[in-house]
Amino acid sequence: MAKSQLRKTPTSELEEIIRASVNISIDATNEESLPKATILFDESHNELLRSRKISDDDEVDTWDILASALRAEINRKATVYTGQENGTKKGFLTEDIFSPYEVLALIAPSKALSKEEVTLMIISQ
């Protein structure tokens, strides 16, 4: 096989990613019927994109895609932790925040977690 056949161009990789994201079916399950507060997404680092444009007419909310995939996989309602406390961006992940949840999804944080946050995650498991 020729070397050029083994490499994909960046354009074809991007097309595959877009095609895969478009083909993810959005779960229309009535969330009221699902157990509540069982998945926690840490969005305090703003890692989940909202309304990412795929084409001129369509917008894709990556939070909805990820939440839908997890609802389908483990049949639980997904909720968000934004890192806001009393209207500020100074909220931290604490045991009180973790306690009602079964799953914590940290999605590629763009800045390092604090030592206290990491310690709490290890202890909570």
PDB file of N, CA and C in Angstrom:
ATOM      1  N   MET A   1       0.844  -1.169   0.000  1.00  0.00           N
ATOM      2  CA  MET A   1       0.000   0.000   0.000  1.00  0.00           C
ATOM      3  C   MET A   1       0.892   1.236   0.000  1.00  0.00           C
ATOM      4  N   ALA A   2       0.576   2.170  -0.853  1.00  0.00           N
ATOM      5  CA  ALA A   2       1.371   3.387  -0.960  1.00  0.00           C
ATOM      6  C   ALA A   2       1.233   4.225   0.298  1.00  0.00           C
ATOM      7  N   LYS A   3       2.312   4.959   0.595  1.00  0.00           N
ATOM      8  CA  LYS A   3       2.329   5.788   1.796  1.00  0.00           C
ATOM      9  C   LYS A   3       1.187   6.806   1.785  1.00  0.00           C
ATOM     10  N   SER A   4       0.888   7.372   0.621  1.00  0.00           N
ATOM     11  CA  SER A   4      -0.169   8.384   0.535  1.00  0.00           C
ATOM     12  C   SER A   4      -1.544   7.793   0.835  1.00  0.00           C
ATOM     13  N   GLN A   5      -1.713   6.489   0.626  1.00  0.00           N
ATOM     14  CA  GLN A   5      -2.993   5.862   0.916  1.00  0.00           C
ATOM     15  C   GLN A   5      -3.210   5.676   2.412  1.00  0.00           C
ATOM     16  N   LEU A   6      -2.124   5.655   3.189  1.00  0.00           N
ATOM     17  CA  LEU A   6      -2.240   5.450   4.626  1.00  0.00           C
ATOM     18  C   LEU A   6      -2.622   6.723   5.371  1.00  0.00           C
ATOM     19  N   ARG A   7      -2.308   7.869   4.803  1.00  0.00           N
ATOM     20  CA  ARG A   7      -2.580   9.134   5.484  1.00  0.00           C
ATOM     21  C   ARG A   7      -3.911   9.701   5.027  1.00  0.00           C
ATOM     22  N   LYS A   8      -4.629  10.240   5.971  1.00  0.00           N
ATOM     23  CA  LYS A   8      -5.858  10.949   5.634  1.00  0.00           C
ATOM     24  C   LYS A   8      -5.546  12.431   5.621  1.00  0.00           C
ATOM     25  N   THR A   9      -6.195  13.133   4.753  1.00  0.00           N
ATOM     26  CA  THR A   9      -5.998  14.580   4.748  1.00  0.00           C
ATOM     27  C   THR A   9      -6.789  15.179   5.895  1.00  0.00           C
ATOM     28  N   PRO A  10      -6.357  16.336   6.401  1.00  0.00           N
ATOM     29  CA  PRO A  10      -7.119  16.988   7.474  1.00  0.00           C
ATOM     30  C   PRO A  10      -8.575  17.220   7.089  1.00  0.00           C
ATOM     31  N   THR A  11      -8.815  17.498   5.815  1.00  0.00           N
ATOM     32  CA  THR A  11     -10.193  17.730   5.375  1.00  0.00           C
ATOM     33  C   THR A  11     -11.038  16.481   5.550  1.00  0.00           C
ATOM     34  N   SER A  12     -10.515  15.311   5.167  1.00  0.00           N
ATOM     35  CA  SER A  12     -11.318  14.094   5.293  1.00  0.00           C
ATOM     36  C   SER A  12     -11.552  13.742   6.761  1.00  0.00           C
ATOM     37  N   GLU A  13     -10.570  13.996   7.640  1.00  0.00           N
ATOM     38  CA  GLU A  13     -10.772  13.747   9.068  1.00  0.00           C
ATOM     39  C   GLU A  13     -11.864  14.653   9.617  1.00  0.00           C
ATOM     40  N   LEU A  14     -11.836  15.920   9.230  1.00  0.00           N
ATOM     41  CA  LEU A  14     -12.861  16.862   9.678  1.00  0.00           C
ATOM     42  C   LEU A  14     -14.234  16.436   9.171  1.00  0.00           C
ATOM     43  N   GLU A  15     -14.299  16.005   7.918  1.00  0.00           N
ATOM     44  CA  GLU A  15     -15.574  15.543   7.365  1.00  0.00           C
ATOM     45  C   GLU A  15     -16.109  14.353   8.144  1.00  0.00           C
ATOM     46  N   GLU A  16     -15.217  13.427   8.550  1.00  0.00           N
ATOM     47  CA  GLU A  16     -15.645  12.264   9.331  1.00  0.00           C
ATOM     48  C   GLU A  16     -16.184  12.680  10.691  1.00  0.00           C
ATOM     49  N   ILE A  17     -15.517  13.636  11.337  1.00  0.00           N
ATOM     50  CA  ILE A  17     -15.979  14.120  12.642  1.00  0.00           C
ATOM     51  C   ILE A  17     -17.345  14.770  12.507  1.00  0.00           C
ATOM     52  N   ILE A  18     -17.502  15.617  11.501  1.00  0.00           N
ATOM     53  CA  ILE A  18     -18.792  16.286  11.292  1.00  0.00           C
ATOM     54  C   ILE A  18     -19.871  15.264  10.989  1.00  0.00           C
ATOM     55  N   ARG A  19     -19.564  14.298  10.110  1.00  0.00           N
ATOM     56  CA  ARG A  19     -20.546  13.269   9.759  1.00  0.00           C
ATOM     57  C   ARG A  19     -20.937  12.462  10.998  1.00  0.00           C
ATOM     58  N   ALA A  20     -19.971  12.119  11.831  1.00  0.00           N
ATOM     59  CA  ALA A  20     -20.260  11.351  13.047  1.00  0.00           C
ATOM     60  C   ALA A  20     -21.124  12.160  13.997  1.00  0.00           C
ATOM     61  N   SER A  21     -20.827  13.450  14.162  1.00  0.00           N
ATOM     62  CA  SER A  21     -21.611  14.251  15.103  1.00  0.00           C
ATOM     63  C   SER A  21     -23.022  14.484  14.593  1.00  0.00           C
ATOM     64  N   VAL A  22     -23.191  14.589  13.291  1.00  0.00           N
ATOM     65  CA  VAL A  22     -24.524  14.785  12.727  1.00  0.00           C
ATOM     66  C   VAL A  22     -25.352  13.514  12.864  1.00  0.00           C
ATOM     67  N   ASN A  23     -24.702  12.342  12.817  1.00  0.00           N
ATOM     68  CA  ASN A  23     -25.423  11.072  12.867  1.00  0.00           C
ATOM     69  C   ASN A  23     -25.747  10.590  14.273  1.00  0.00           C
ATOM     70  N   ILE A  24     -25.355  11.340  15.303  1.00  0.00           N
ATOM     71  CA  ILE A  24     -25.714  10.964  16.670  1.00  0.00           C
ATOM     72  C   ILE A  24     -27.173  11.341  16.877  1.00  0.00           C
ATOM     73  N   SER A  25     -27.994  10.361  17.191  1.00  0.00           N
ATOM     74  CA  SER A  25     -29.411  10.666  17.375  1.00  0.00           C
ATOM     75  C   SER A  25     -29.624  11.308  18.737  1.00  0.00           C
ATOM     76  N   ILE A  26     -30.445  12.326  18.757  1.00  0.00           N
ATOM     77  CA  ILE A  26     -30.761  13.014  20.000  1.00  0.00           C
ATOM     78  C   ILE A  26     -31.860  12.233  20.703  1.00  0.00           C
ATOM     79  N   ASP A  27     -31.602  11.850  21.931  1.00  0.00           N
ATOM     80  CA  ASP A  27     -32.550  11.077  22.729  1.00  0.00           C
ATOM     81  C   ASP A  27     -33.714  11.964  23.136  1.00  0.00           C
ATOM     82  N   ALA A  28     -34.916  11.585  22.736  1.00  0.00           N
ATOM     83  CA  ALA A  28     -36.095  12.386  23.045  1.00  0.00           C
ATOM     84  C   ALA A  28     -36.807  11.892  24.296  1.00  0.00           C
ATOM     85  N   THR A  29     -36.129  11.099  25.112  1.00  0.00           N
ATOM     86  CA  THR A  29     -36.719  10.568  26.336  1.00  0.00           C
ATOM     87  C   THR A  29     -37.221  11.699  27.217  1.00  0.00           C
ATOM     88  N   ASN A  30     -38.390  11.517  27.792  1.00  0.00           N
ATOM     89  CA  ASN A  30     -38.913  12.498  28.731  1.00  0.00           C
ATOM     90  C   ASN A  30     -38.075  12.430  29.997  1.00  0.00           C
ATOM     91  N   GLU A  31     -37.285  13.484  30.254  1.00  0.00           N
ATOM     92  CA  GLU A  31     -36.372  13.461  31.394  1.00  0.00           C
ATOM     93  C   GLU A  31     -37.099  13.379  32.724  1.00  0.00           C
ATOM     94  N   GLU A  32     -38.350  13.792  32.772  1.00  0.00           N
ATOM     95  CA  GLU A  32     -39.096  13.735  34.031  1.00  0.00           C
ATOM     96  C   GLU A  32     -39.264  12.294  34.504  1.00  0.00           C
ATOM     97  N   SER A  33     -39.231  11.338  33.566  1.00  0.00           N
ATOM     98  CA  SER A  33     -39.413   9.938  33.941  1.00  0.00           C
ATOM     99  C   SER A  33     -38.107   9.272  34.382  1.00  0.00           C
ATOM    100  N   LEU A  34     -36.977   9.945  34.188  1.00  0.00           N
ATOM    101  CA  LEU A  34     -35.684   9.367  34.553  1.00  0.00           C
ATOM    102  C   LEU A  34     -35.310   9.729  35.985  1.00  0.00           C
ATOM    103  N   PRO A  35     -34.490   8.888  36.629  1.00  0.00           N
ATOM    104  CA  PRO A  35     -33.970   9.263  37.947  1.00  0.00           C
ATOM    105  C   PRO A  35     -33.225  10.596  37.832  1.00  0.00           C
ATOM    106  N   LYS A  36     -33.380  11.456  38.813  1.00  0.00           N
ATOM    107  CA  LYS A  36     -32.835  12.807  38.715  1.00  0.00           C
ATOM    108  C   LYS A  36     -31.440  12.914  39.310  1.00  0.00           C
ATOM    109  N   ALA A  37     -30.713  13.922  38.853  1.00  0.00           N
ATOM    110  CA  ALA A  37     -29.424  14.335  39.418  1.00  0.00           C
ATOM    111  C   ALA A  37     -28.451  13.182  39.580  1.00  0.00           C
ATOM    112  N   THR A  38     -28.234  12.442  38.504  1.00  0.00           N
ATOM    113  CA  THR A  38     -27.320  11.317  38.616  1.00  0.00           C
ATOM    114  C   THR A  38     -26.046  11.472  37.804  1.00  0.00           C
ATOM    115  N   ILE A  39     -25.989  12.443  36.929  1.00  0.00           N
ATOM    116  CA  ILE A  39     -24.773  12.698  36.162  1.00  0.00           C
ATOM    117  C   ILE A  39     -24.386  14.150  36.389  1.00  0.00           C
ATOM    118  N   LEU A  40     -23.136  14.393  36.680  1.00  0.00           N
ATOM    119  CA  LEU A  40     -22.659  15.753  36.906  1.00  0.00           C
ATOM    120  C   LEU A  40     -21.610  16.090  35.861  1.00  0.00           C
ATOM    121  N   PHE A  41     -21.847  17.115  35.084  1.00  0.00           N
ATOM    122  CA  PHE A  41     -20.853  17.623  34.153  1.00  0.00           C
ATOM    123  C   PHE A  41     -20.203  18.838  34.791  1.00  0.00           C
ATOM    124  N   ASP A  42     -18.890  18.854  34.854  1.00  0.00           N
ATOM    125  CA  ASP A  42     -18.182  20.023  35.367  1.00  0.00           C
ATOM    126  C   ASP A  42     -17.952  20.974  34.202  1.00  0.00           C
ATOM    127  N   GLU A  43     -18.740  22.036  34.135  1.00  0.00           N
ATOM    128  CA  GLU A  43     -18.558  23.020  33.080  1.00  0.00           C
ATOM    129  C   GLU A  43     -17.847  24.259  33.600  1.00  0.00           C
ATOM    130  N   SER A  44     -17.227  24.163  34.761  1.00  0.00           N
ATOM    131  CA  SER A  44     -16.577  25.333  35.336  1.00  0.00           C
ATOM    132  C   SER A  44     -15.383  25.794  34.506  1.00  0.00           C
ATOM    133  N   HIS A  45     -14.890  24.923  33.620  1.00  0.00           N
ATOM    134  CA  HIS A  45     -13.771  25.309  32.765  1.00  0.00           C
ATOM    135  C   HIS A  45     -14.240  25.635  31.347  1.00  0.00           C
ATOM    136  N   ASN A  46     -15.555  25.719  31.144  1.00  0.00           N
ATOM    137  CA  ASN A  46     -16.137  26.070  29.841  1.00  0.00           C
ATOM    138  C   ASN A  46     -15.653  25.156  28.721  1.00  0.00           C
ATOM    139  N   GLU A  47     -15.615  23.858  28.998  1.00  0.00           N
ATOM    140  CA  GLU A  47     -15.084  22.937  28.013  1.00  0.00           C
ATOM    141  C   GLU A  47     -16.132  22.399  27.044  1.00  0.00           C
ATOM    142  N   LEU A  48     -17.408  22.515  27.362  1.00  0.00           N
ATOM    143  CA  LEU A  48     -18.431  22.042  26.430  1.00  0.00           C
ATOM    144  C   LEU A  48     -18.907  23.203  25.569  1.00  0.00           C
ATOM    145  N   LEU A  49     -18.835  23.012  24.265  1.00  0.00           N
ATOM    146  CA  LEU A  49     -19.234  24.078  23.352  1.00  0.00           C
ATOM    147  C   LEU A  49     -20.743  24.108  23.207  1.00  0.00           C
ATOM    148  N   ARG A  50     -21.265  25.295  23.102  1.00  0.00           N
ATOM    149  CA  ARG A  50     -22.693  25.474  22.856  1.00  0.00           C
ATOM    150  C   ARG A  50     -22.886  25.973  21.435  1.00  0.00           C
ATOM    151  N   SER A  51     -23.909  25.460  20.785  1.00  0.00           N
ATOM    152  CA  SER A  51     -24.310  25.941  19.463  1.00  0.00           C
ATOM    153  C   SER A  51     -23.151  25.992  18.472  1.00  0.00           C
ATOM    154  N   ARG A  52     -22.442  24.893  18.338  1.00  0.00           N
ATOM    155  CA  ARG A  52     -21.350  24.811  17.367  1.00  0.00           C
ATOM    156  C   ARG A  52     -21.949  24.667  15.977  1.00  0.00           C
ATOM    157  N   LYS A  53     -21.618  25.560  15.076  1.00  0.00           N
ATOM    158  CA  LYS A  53     -22.186  25.540  13.734  1.00  0.00           C
ATOM    159  C   LYS A  53     -21.636  24.357  12.934  1.00  0.00           C
ATOM    160  N   ILE A  54     -22.532  23.573  12.343  1.00  0.00           N
ATOM    161  CA  ILE A  54     -22.144  22.493  11.437  1.00  0.00           C
ATOM    162  C   ILE A  54     -22.368  22.952   9.994  1.00  0.00           C
ATOM    163  N   SER A  55     -23.470  23.603   9.744  1.00  0.00           N
ATOM    164  CA  SER A  55     -23.759  24.151   8.421  1.00  0.00           C
ATOM    165  C   SER A  55     -24.436  25.500   8.608  1.00  0.00           C
ATOM    166  N   ASP A  56     -24.822  26.119   7.514  1.00  0.00           N
ATOM    167  CA  ASP A  56     -25.459  27.437   7.605  1.00  0.00           C
ATOM    168  C   ASP A  56     -26.793  27.392   8.330  1.00  0.00           C
ATOM    169  N   ASP A  57     -27.503  26.275   8.238  1.00  0.00           N
ATOM    170  CA  ASP A  57     -28.853  26.196   8.797  1.00  0.00           C
ATOM    171  C   ASP A  57     -28.923  25.523  10.159  1.00  0.00           C
ATOM    172  N   ASP A  58     -27.963  24.683  10.464  1.00  0.00           N
ATOM    173  CA  ASP A  58     -28.047  23.867  11.674  1.00  0.00           C
ATOM    174  C   ASP A  58     -27.041  24.305  12.723  1.00  0.00           C
ATOM    175  N   GLU A  59     -27.465  24.263  13.977  1.00  0.00           N
ATOM    176  CA  GLU A  59     -26.556  24.483  15.089  1.00  0.00           C
ATOM    177  C   GLU A  59     -26.583  23.235  15.953  1.00  0.00           C
ATOM    178  N   VAL A  60     -25.441  22.835  16.441  1.00  0.00           N
ATOM    179  CA  VAL A  60     -25.353  21.656  17.289  1.00  0.00           C
ATOM    180  C   VAL A  60     -24.844  22.088  18.650  1.00  0.00           C
ATOM    181  N   ASP A  61     -25.578  21.731  19.663  1.00  0.00           N
ATOM    182  CA  ASP A  61     -25.197  22.033  21.033  1.00  0.00           C
ATOM    183  C   ASP A  61     -24.494  20.795  21.569  1.00  0.00           C
ATOM    184  N   THR A  62     -23.188  20.865  21.780  1.00  0.00           N
ATOM    185  CA  THR A  62     -22.448  19.673  22.189  1.00  0.00           C
ATOM    186  C   THR A  62     -22.873  19.177  23.559  1.00  0.00           C
ATOM    187  N   TRP A  63     -23.384  20.074  24.411  1.00  0.00           N
ATOM    188  CA  TRP A  63     -23.926  19.629  25.695  1.00  0.00           C
ATOM    189  C   TRP A  63     -25.090  18.677  25.440  1.00  0.00           C
ATOM    190  N   ASP A  64     -26.013  19.041  24.536  1.00  0.00           N
ATOM    191  CA  ASP A  64     -27.167  18.190  24.259  1.00  0.00           C
ATOM    192  C   ASP A  64     -26.747  16.842  23.688  1.00  0.00           C
ATOM    193  N   ILE A  65     -25.758  16.847  22.796  1.00  0.00           N
ATOM    194  CA  ILE A  65     -25.295  15.591  22.211  1.00  0.00           C
ATOM    195  C   ILE A  65     -24.695  14.694  23.287  1.00  0.00           C
ATOM    196  N   LEU A  66     -23.835  15.263  24.135  1.00  0.00           N
ATOM    197  CA  LEU A  66     -23.191  14.470  25.179  1.00  0.00           C
ATOM    198  C   LEU A  66     -24.198  13.984  26.210  1.00  0.00           C
ATOM    199  N   ALA A  67     -25.105  14.862  26.630  1.00  0.00           N
ATOM    200  CA  ALA A  67     -26.124  14.474  27.604  1.00  0.00           C
ATOM    201  C   ALA A  67     -27.028  13.385  27.035  1.00  0.00           C
ATOM    202  N   SER A  68     -27.383  13.516  25.764  1.00  0.00           N
ATOM    203  CA  SER A  68     -28.242  12.528  25.122  1.00  0.00           C
ATOM    204  C   SER A  68     -27.555  11.168  25.037  1.00  0.00           C
ATOM    205  N   ALA A  69     -26.266  11.177  24.686  1.00  0.00           N
ATOM    206  CA  ALA A  69     -25.528   9.914  24.598  1.00  0.00           C
ATOM    207  C   ALA A  69     -25.456   9.231  25.957  1.00  0.00           C
ATOM    208  N   LEU A  70     -25.238   9.995  27.018  1.00  0.00           N
ATOM    209  CA  LEU A  70     -25.180   9.395  28.350  1.00  0.00           C
ATOM    210  C   LEU A  70     -26.556   8.935  28.822  1.00  0.00           C
ATOM    211  N   ARG A  71     -27.603   9.695  28.488  1.00  0.00           N
ATOM    212  CA  ARG A  71     -28.961   9.248  28.842  1.00  0.00           C
ATOM    213  C   ARG A  71     -29.249   7.905  28.186  1.00  0.00           C
ATOM    214  N   ALA A  72     -28.876   7.793  26.920  1.00  0.00           N
ATOM    215  CA  ALA A  72     -29.122   6.541  26.199  1.00  0.00           C
ATOM    216  C   ALA A  72     -28.287   5.400  26.776  1.00  0.00           C
ATOM    217  N   GLU A  73     -27.053   5.694  27.174  1.00  0.00           N
ATOM    218  CA  GLU A  73     -26.140   4.656  27.651  1.00  0.00           C
ATOM    219  C   GLU A  73     -26.489   4.154  29.044  1.00  0.00           C
ATOM    220  N   ILE A  74     -26.772   5.058  29.985  1.00  0.00           N
ATOM    221  CA  ILE A  74     -27.001   4.610  31.365  1.00  0.00           C
ATOM    222  C   ILE A  74     -28.380   4.983  31.904  1.00  0.00           C
ATOM    223  N   ASN A  75     -29.239   5.515  31.039  1.00  0.00           N
ATOM    224  CA  ASN A  75     -30.630   5.796  31.390  1.00  0.00           C
ATOM    225  C   ASN A  75     -30.763   6.669  32.642  1.00  0.00           C
ATOM    226  N   ARG A  76     -30.024   7.764  32.642  1.00  0.00           N
ATOM    227  CA  ARG A  76     -30.080   8.709  33.747  1.00  0.00           C
ATOM    228  C   ARG A  76     -30.141  10.132  33.212  1.00  0.00           C
ATOM    229  N   LYS A  77     -30.708  11.018  33.986  1.00  0.00           N
ATOM    230  CA  LYS A  77     -30.798  12.427  33.615  1.00  0.00           C
ATOM    231  C   LYS A  77     -29.445  13.110  33.822  1.00  0.00           C
ATOM    232  N   ALA A  78     -29.016  13.909  32.861  1.00  0.00           N
ATOM    233  CA  ALA A  78     -27.757  14.642  32.972  1.00  0.00           C
ATOM    234  C   ALA A  78     -28.023  16.064  33.449  1.00  0.00           C
ATOM    235  N   THR A  79     -27.216  16.530  34.391  1.00  0.00           N
ATOM    236  CA  THR A  79     -27.325  17.901  34.877  1.00  0.00           C
ATOM    237  C   THR A  79     -25.957  18.567  34.791  1.00  0.00           C
ATOM    238  N   VAL A  80     -25.919  19.861  35.040  1.00  0.00           N
ATOM    239  CA  VAL A  80     -24.704  20.636  34.838  1.00  0.00           C
ATOM    240  C   VAL A  80     -24.253  21.302  36.125  1.00  0.00           C
ATOM    241  N   TYR A  81     -22.967  21.258  36.397  1.00  0.00           N
ATOM    242  CA  TYR A  81     -22.366  22.083  37.442  1.00  0.00           C
ATOM    243  C   TYR A  81     -21.571  23.163  36.728  1.00  0.00           C
ATOM    244  N   THR A  82     -21.912  24.424  36.945  1.00  0.00           N
ATOM    245  CA  THR A  82     -21.298  25.513  36.186  1.00  0.00           C
ATOM    246  C   THR A  82     -20.131  26.166  36.899  1.00  0.00           C
ATOM    247  N   GLY A  83     -19.917  25.845  38.148  1.00  0.00           N
ATOM    248  CA  GLY A  83     -18.837  26.485  38.880  1.00  0.00           C
ATOM    249  C   GLY A  83     -19.236  27.831  39.449  1.00  0.00           C
ATOM    250  N   GLN A  84     -20.518  28.160  39.338  1.00  0.00           N
ATOM    251  CA  GLN A  84     -20.978  29.442  39.875  1.00  0.00           C
ATOM    252  C   GLN A  84     -21.556  29.249  41.263  1.00  0.00           C
ATOM    253  N   GLU A  85     -21.211  30.137  42.137  1.00  0.00           N
ATOM    254  CA  GLU A  85     -21.711  30.101  43.501  1.00  0.00           C
ATOM    255  C   GLU A  85     -22.138  31.514  43.870  1.00  0.00           C
ATOM    256  N   ASN A  86     -23.407  31.686  44.198  1.00  0.00           N
ATOM    257  CA  ASN A  86     -23.945  33.011  44.520  1.00  0.00           C
ATOM    258  C   ASN A  86     -23.679  34.020  43.406  1.00  0.00           C
ATOM    259  N   GLY A  87     -23.844  33.581  42.158  1.00  0.00           N
ATOM    260  CA  GLY A  87     -23.675  34.475  41.018  1.00  0.00           C
ATOM    261  C   GLY A  87     -22.232  34.766  40.641  1.00  0.00           C
ATOM    262  N   THR A  88     -21.269  34.114  41.291  1.00  0.00           N
ATOM    263  CA  THR A  88     -19.859  34.336  40.957  1.00  0.00           C
ATOM    264  C   THR A  88     -19.298  33.089  40.302  1.00  0.00           C
ATOM    265  N   LYS A  89     -18.125  33.195  39.725  1.00  0.00           N
ATOM    266  CA  LYS A  89     -17.442  32.046  39.117  1.00  0.00           C
ATOM    267  C   LYS A  89     -16.465  31.420  40.103  1.00  0.00           C
ATOM    268  N   LYS A  90     -16.745  31.490  41.402  1.00  0.00           N
ATOM    269  CA  LYS A  90     -15.810  31.012  42.410  1.00  0.00           C
ATOM    270  C   LYS A  90     -16.243  29.705  43.053  1.00  0.00           C
ATOM    271  N   GLY A  91     -17.192  29.004  42.438  1.00  0.00           N
ATOM    272  CA  GLY A  91     -17.641  27.745  43.018  1.00  0.00           C
ATOM    273  C   GLY A  91     -16.588  26.659  42.862  1.00  0.00           C
ATOM    274  N   PHE A  92     -16.502  25.772  43.832  1.00  0.00           N
ATOM    275  CA  PHE A  92     -15.561  24.662  43.783  1.00  0.00           C
ATOM    276  C   PHE A  92     -16.333  23.358  43.919  1.00  0.00           C
ATOM    277  N   LEU A  93     -15.754  22.290  43.401  1.00  0.00           N
ATOM    278  CA  LEU A  93     -16.368  20.983  43.553  1.00  0.00           C
ATOM    279  C   LEU A  93     -16.182  20.538  45.000  1.00  0.00           C
ATOM    280  N   THR A  94     -17.276  20.341  45.701  1.00  0.00           N
ATOM    281  CA  THR A  94     -17.221  19.961  47.112  1.00  0.00           C
ATOM    282  C   THR A  94     -17.987  18.663  47.326  1.00  0.00           C
ATOM    283  N   GLU A  95     -17.847  18.080  48.498  1.00  0.00           N
ATOM    284  CA  GLU A  95     -18.562  16.844  48.812  1.00  0.00           C
ATOM    285  C   GLU A  95     -20.070  17.053  48.727  1.00  0.00           C
ATOM    286  N   ASP A  96     -20.555  18.221  49.147  1.00  0.00           N
ATOM    287  CA  ASP A  96     -21.992  18.507  49.061  1.00  0.00           C
ATOM    288  C   ASP A  96     -22.476  18.479  47.621  1.00  0.00           C
ATOM    289  N   ILE A  97     -21.656  18.962  46.705  1.00  0.00           N
ATOM    290  CA  ILE A  97     -22.027  18.950  45.290  1.00  0.00           C
ATOM    291  C   ILE A  97     -21.981  17.527  44.747  1.00  0.00           C
ATOM    292  N   PHE A  98     -20.942  16.760  45.118  1.00  0.00           N
ATOM    293  CA  PHE A  98     -20.792  15.393  44.616  1.00  0.00           C
ATOM    294  C   PHE A  98     -21.842  14.420  45.142  1.00  0.00           C
ATOM    295  N   SER A  99     -22.282  14.578  46.363  1.00  0.00           N
ATOM    296  CA  SER A  99     -23.047  13.534  47.051  1.00  0.00           C
ATOM    297  C   SER A  99     -24.268  12.997  46.306  1.00  0.00           C
ATOM    298  N   PRO A 100     -25.085  13.808  45.614  1.00  0.00           N
ATOM    299  CA  PRO A 100     -26.259  13.214  44.970  1.00  0.00           C
ATOM    300  C   PRO A 100     -25.983  12.539  43.626  1.00  0.00           C
ATOM    301  N   TYR A 101     -24.756  12.584  43.137  1.00  0.00           N
ATOM    302  CA  TYR A 101     -24.463  12.099  41.793  1.00  0.00           C
ATOM    303  C   TYR A 101     -23.823  10.718  41.792  1.00  0.00           C
ATOM    304  N   GLU A 102     -24.049   9.984  40.688  1.00  0.00           N
ATOM    305  CA  GLU A 102     -23.441   8.674  40.506  1.00  0.00           C
ATOM    306  C   GLU A 102     -22.252   8.730  39.557  1.00  0.00           C
ATOM    307  N   VAL A 103     -22.273   9.677  38.626  1.00  0.00           N
ATOM    308  CA  VAL A 103     -21.239   9.766  37.600  1.00  0.00           C
ATOM    309  C   VAL A 103     -20.749  11.204  37.512  1.00  0.00           C
ATOM    310  N   LEU A 104     -19.444  11.378  37.447  1.00  0.00           N
ATOM    311  CA  LEU A 104     -18.858  12.695  37.232  1.00  0.00           C
ATOM    312  C   LEU A 104     -18.160  12.675  35.885  1.00  0.00           C
ATOM    313  N   ALA A 105     -18.528  13.566  34.991  1.00  0.00           N
ATOM    314  CA  ALA A 105     -17.879  13.661  33.685  1.00  0.00           C
ATOM    315  C   ALA A 105     -17.098  14.961  33.624  1.00  0.00           C
ATOM    316  N   LEU A 106     -15.784  14.864  33.709  1.00  0.00           N
ATOM    317  CA  LEU A 106     -14.915  16.027  33.530  1.00  0.00           C
ATOM    318  C   LEU A 106     -14.450  15.983  32.083  1.00  0.00           C
ATOM    319  N   ILE A 107     -14.865  16.946  31.300  1.00  0.00           N
ATOM    320  CA  ILE A 107     -14.604  16.901  29.874  1.00  0.00           C
ATOM    321  C   ILE A 107     -13.452  17.840  29.524  1.00  0.00           C
ATOM    322  N   ALA A 108     -12.250  17.307  29.405  1.00  0.00           N
ATOM    323  CA  ALA A 108     -11.058  18.035  28.986  1.00  0.00           C
ATOM    324  C   ALA A 108     -10.959  19.435  29.571  1.00  0.00           C
ATOM    325  N   PRO A 109     -10.754  19.554  30.868  1.00  0.00           N
ATOM    326  CA  PRO A 109     -10.631  20.895  31.452  1.00  0.00           C
ATOM    327  C   PRO A 109      -9.509  21.691  30.788  1.00  0.00           C
ATOM    328  N   SER A 110      -9.755  22.970  30.572  1.00  0.00           N
ATOM    329  CA  SER A 110      -8.757  23.808  29.908  1.00  0.00           C
ATOM    330  C   SER A 110      -7.767  24.419  30.886  1.00  0.00           C
ATOM    331  N   LYS A 111      -8.012  24.239  32.194  1.00  0.00           N
ATOM    332  CA  LYS A 111      -7.021  24.670  33.180  1.00  0.00           C
ATOM    333  C   LYS A 111      -6.961  23.609  34.274  1.00  0.00           C
ATOM    334  N   ALA A 112      -5.868  23.609  34.996  1.00  0.00           N
ATOM    335  CA  ALA A 112      -5.656  22.564  35.996  1.00  0.00           C
ATOM    336  C   ALA A 112      -6.673  22.643  37.119  1.00  0.00           C
ATOM    337  N   LEU A 113      -7.071  21.474  37.624  1.00  0.00           N
ATOM    338  CA  LEU A 113      -7.935  21.426  38.797  1.00  0.00           C
ATOM    339  C   LEU A 113      -7.106  21.756  40.028  1.00  0.00           C
ATOM    340  N   SER A 114      -7.758  22.275  41.047  1.00  0.00           N
ATOM    341  CA  SER A 114      -7.042  22.567  42.288  1.00  0.00           C
ATOM    342  C   SER A 114      -6.702  21.261  43.003  1.00  0.00           C
ATOM    343  N   LYS A 115      -5.721  21.314  43.898  1.00  0.00           N
ATOM    344  CA  LYS A 115      -5.327  20.141  44.676  1.00  0.00           C
ATOM    345  C   LYS A 115      -6.521  19.621  45.466  1.00  0.00           C
ATOM    346  N   GLU A 116      -7.324  20.530  46.020  1.00  0.00           N
ATOM    347  CA  GLU A 116      -8.498  20.136  46.804  1.00  0.00           C
ATOM    348  C   GLU A 116      -9.521  19.405  45.936  1.00  0.00           C
ATOM    349  N   GLU A 117      -9.733  19.880  44.700  1.00  0.00           N
ATOM    350  CA  GLU A 117     -10.683  19.223  43.800  1.00  0.00           C
ATOM    351  C   GLU A 117     -10.220  17.807  43.464  1.00  0.00           C
ATOM    352  N   VAL A 118      -8.942  17.642  43.164  1.00  0.00           N
ATOM    353  CA  VAL A 118      -8.408  16.320  42.827  1.00  0.00           C
ATOM    354  C   VAL A 118      -8.498  15.387  44.028  1.00  0.00           C
ATOM    355  N   THR A 119      -8.114  15.873  45.204  1.00  0.00           N
ATOM    356  CA  THR A 119      -8.181  15.065  46.422  1.00  0.00           C
ATOM    357  C   THR A 119      -9.604  14.613  46.690  1.00  0.00           C
ATOM    358  N   LEU A 120     -10.552  15.519  46.550  1.00  0.00           N
ATOM    359  CA  LEU A 120     -11.952  15.189  46.790  1.00  0.00           C
ATOM    360  C   LEU A 120     -12.445  14.131  45.810  1.00  0.00           C
ATOM    361  N   MET A 121     -12.029  14.228  44.547  1.00  0.00           N
ATOM    362  CA  MET A 121     -12.449  13.231  43.562  1.00  0.00           C
ATOM    363  C   MET A 121     -11.914  11.851  43.920  1.00  0.00           C
ATOM    364  N   ILE A 122     -10.675  11.791  44.373  1.00  0.00           N
ATOM    365  CA  ILE A 122     -10.076  10.503  44.746  1.00  0.00           C
ATOM    366  C   ILE A 122     -10.785   9.927  45.966  1.00  0.00           C
ATOM    367  N   ILE A 123     -11.043  10.763  46.965  1.00  0.00           N
ATOM    368  CA  ILE A 123     -11.721  10.313  48.187  1.00  0.00           C
ATOM    369  C   ILE A 123     -13.145   9.871  47.884  1.00  0.00           C
ATOM    370  N   SER A 124     -13.833  10.581  46.985  1.00  0.00           N
ATOM    371  CA  SER A 124     -15.240  10.301  46.690  1.00  0.00           C
ATOM    372  C   SER A 124     -15.444   8.986  45.962  1.00  0.00           C
ATOM    373  N   GLN A 125     -14.412   8.469  45.323  1.00  0.00           N
ATOM    374  CA  GLN A 125     -14.567   7.216  44.592  1.00  0.00           C
ATOM    375  C   GLN A 125     -14.548   6.083  45.563  1.00  0.00           C
TER     376      GLN A 125
END
